[in-house]
Protein backbone atom coordinates (compact mmCIF):
# COMPACT_ATOMS: atom_id res chain seq x y z
CA MET A 1 -20.45 11.07 27.16
CA SER A 2 -18.04 12.30 24.49
CA TYR A 3 -15.71 10.62 22.05
CA LEU A 4 -12.45 12.47 21.29
CA VAL A 5 -10.74 11.76 17.96
CA GLU A 6 -7.24 12.79 16.90
CA VAL A 7 -6.38 12.99 13.21
CA LYS A 8 -3.23 11.03 12.36
CA PRO A 9 -0.81 12.29 9.68
CA SER A 10 -1.63 9.27 7.48
CA ALA A 11 -5.22 10.48 7.15
CA ARG A 12 -4.15 14.03 6.30
CA LYS A 13 -1.71 12.83 3.63
CA ALA A 14 -4.13 10.39 2.03
CA ASN A 15 -7.30 12.48 1.97
CA ALA A 16 -7.57 16.14 0.97
CA ALA A 17 -10.91 16.60 2.78
CA VAL A 18 -9.21 15.57 6.04
CA GLY A 19 -6.46 18.12 5.44
CA HIS A 20 -9.04 20.87 4.94
CA ALA A 21 -10.89 19.79 8.12
CA VAL A 22 -7.63 19.98 10.11
CA LEU A 23 -6.87 23.45 8.77
CA ARG A 24 -10.35 24.58 9.69
CA ASP A 25 -10.88 22.79 13.06
CA GLY A 26 -7.50 21.45 14.26
CA THR A 27 -6.20 17.91 14.74
CA ARG A 28 -8.68 16.91 17.47
CA ARG A 29 -12.44 16.74 17.27
CA GLU A 30 -15.02 15.80 19.87
CA PHE A 31 -18.18 13.80 19.09
CA GLY A 32 -21.13 12.58 21.11
CA ASP A 33 -20.15 8.95 20.57
CA ARG A 34 -18.13 6.67 18.31
CA GLY A 35 -21.01 6.34 15.86
CA ALA A 36 -20.96 10.09 15.23
CA ALA A 37 -17.19 9.95 14.71
CA GLU A 38 -17.55 7.10 12.22
CA ALA A 39 -20.26 9.01 10.34
CA TRP A 40 -17.84 11.96 10.09
CA ALA A 41 -15.12 9.67 8.74
CA ASP A 42 -17.55 8.18 6.21
CA GLY A 43 -18.46 11.69 5.05
CA LEU A 44 -14.80 12.57 4.57
CA SER A 45 -14.26 9.37 2.57
CA THR A 46 -17.02 10.03 0.04
CA GLY A 47 -15.34 10.80 -3.28
CA ALA A 48 -11.99 11.16 -1.53
CA ASP A 49 -8.50 10.22 -2.63
CA ARG A 50 -8.27 7.47 -0.01
CA PRO A 51 -10.82 6.32 2.57
CA VAL A 52 -10.36 7.17 6.23
CA TRP A 53 -11.81 5.46 9.29
CA ILE A 54 -11.88 5.61 13.07
CA HIS A 55 -9.43 3.33 14.86
CA ALA A 56 -10.04 2.93 18.60
CA ALA A 57 -7.17 3.89 20.85
CA HIS A 58 -5.39 0.93 22.43
CA PRO A 59 -6.34 0.36 26.09
CA ALA A 60 -2.70 0.99 27.07
CA ASP A 61 -2.68 4.31 25.18
CA ASP A 62 -2.29 6.91 27.92
CA SER A 63 -3.44 9.86 25.79
CA GLU A 64 -6.82 11.44 26.38
CA VAL A 65 -8.19 10.47 22.96
CA ASP A 66 -10.70 7.68 22.43
CA GLY A 67 -9.85 7.05 18.79
CA TYR A 68 -7.81 8.11 15.80
CA LEU A 69 -8.78 9.06 12.26
CA VAL A 70 -6.43 7.00 10.11
CA SER A 71 -5.78 5.88 6.53
CA ARG A 72 -3.38 3.57 4.84
CA GLN A 73 -0.50 5.51 3.31
CA ARG A 74 -0.34 5.78 -0.47
CA GLN A 75 3.07 4.12 -0.75
CA LEU A 76 1.73 0.97 0.91
CA LEU A 77 -1.12 0.79 -1.61
CA ASP A 78 1.29 1.33 -4.50
CA LEU A 79 3.10 -1.86 -3.51
CA ASP A 80 0.03 -4.07 -4.03
CA GLY A 81 1.57 -5.65 -7.15
CA ALA A 82 5.07 -6.00 -5.71
CA TYR A 83 4.71 -9.71 -4.99
CA ASP A 84 3.72 -10.49 -8.58
CA LYS A 85 6.56 -8.37 -9.95
CA ARG A 86 9.09 -10.20 -7.76
CA ARG A 87 7.66 -13.57 -8.77
CA ARG A 88 7.99 -12.67 -12.49
CA ARG A 89 11.56 -11.49 -11.94
CA LEU A 90 12.50 -14.74 -10.18
CA ARG A 91 10.99 -16.74 -13.06
CA GLY A 92 13.29 -14.95 -15.47
CA GLY A 93 11.13 -12.07 -16.66
CA ASP A 94 11.78 -8.40 -15.94
CA ASP A 95 15.54 -8.75 -16.60
CA GLY A 96 15.96 -11.29 -13.80
CA ASP A 97 18.44 -14.17 -13.83
CA PRO A 98 16.49 -17.13 -15.26
CA GLY A 99 18.86 -19.74 -13.83
CA ARG A 100 19.07 -18.38 -10.32
CA LEU A 101 16.30 -20.45 -8.72
CA ASP A 102 17.45 -23.64 -10.47
CA ALA A 103 20.99 -23.13 -9.20
CA TYR A 104 19.74 -22.96 -5.62
CA ALA A 105 17.46 -25.96 -6.10
CA ASP A 106 20.43 -28.03 -7.32
CA GLY A 107 22.60 -26.95 -4.37
CA GLY A 108 24.62 -24.44 -6.40
CA GLU A 109 25.33 -20.84 -5.46
């Protein structure tokens, strides 16, 4: 039994070790089983820019791969504080309009 993994662009962009592995071995890699693939992903994540992991292919995925090496993209992680920033702006901080929410609450525009 083998477990075929394809490296997704998100993993290459987020983790330099993944990029080096792709340059050396290509975008697909075959393992004995999923456990071996996950161990490889863990090894690539040690001390890396961003962690990577194995995501199983969807049952409806008609490709020949069993899983994908993936990572969350940096720009998504950079937005972690976006909700708090928006909330501060709506309260009147960060150069927001302090009366805007009150106007809507009172039926104004």
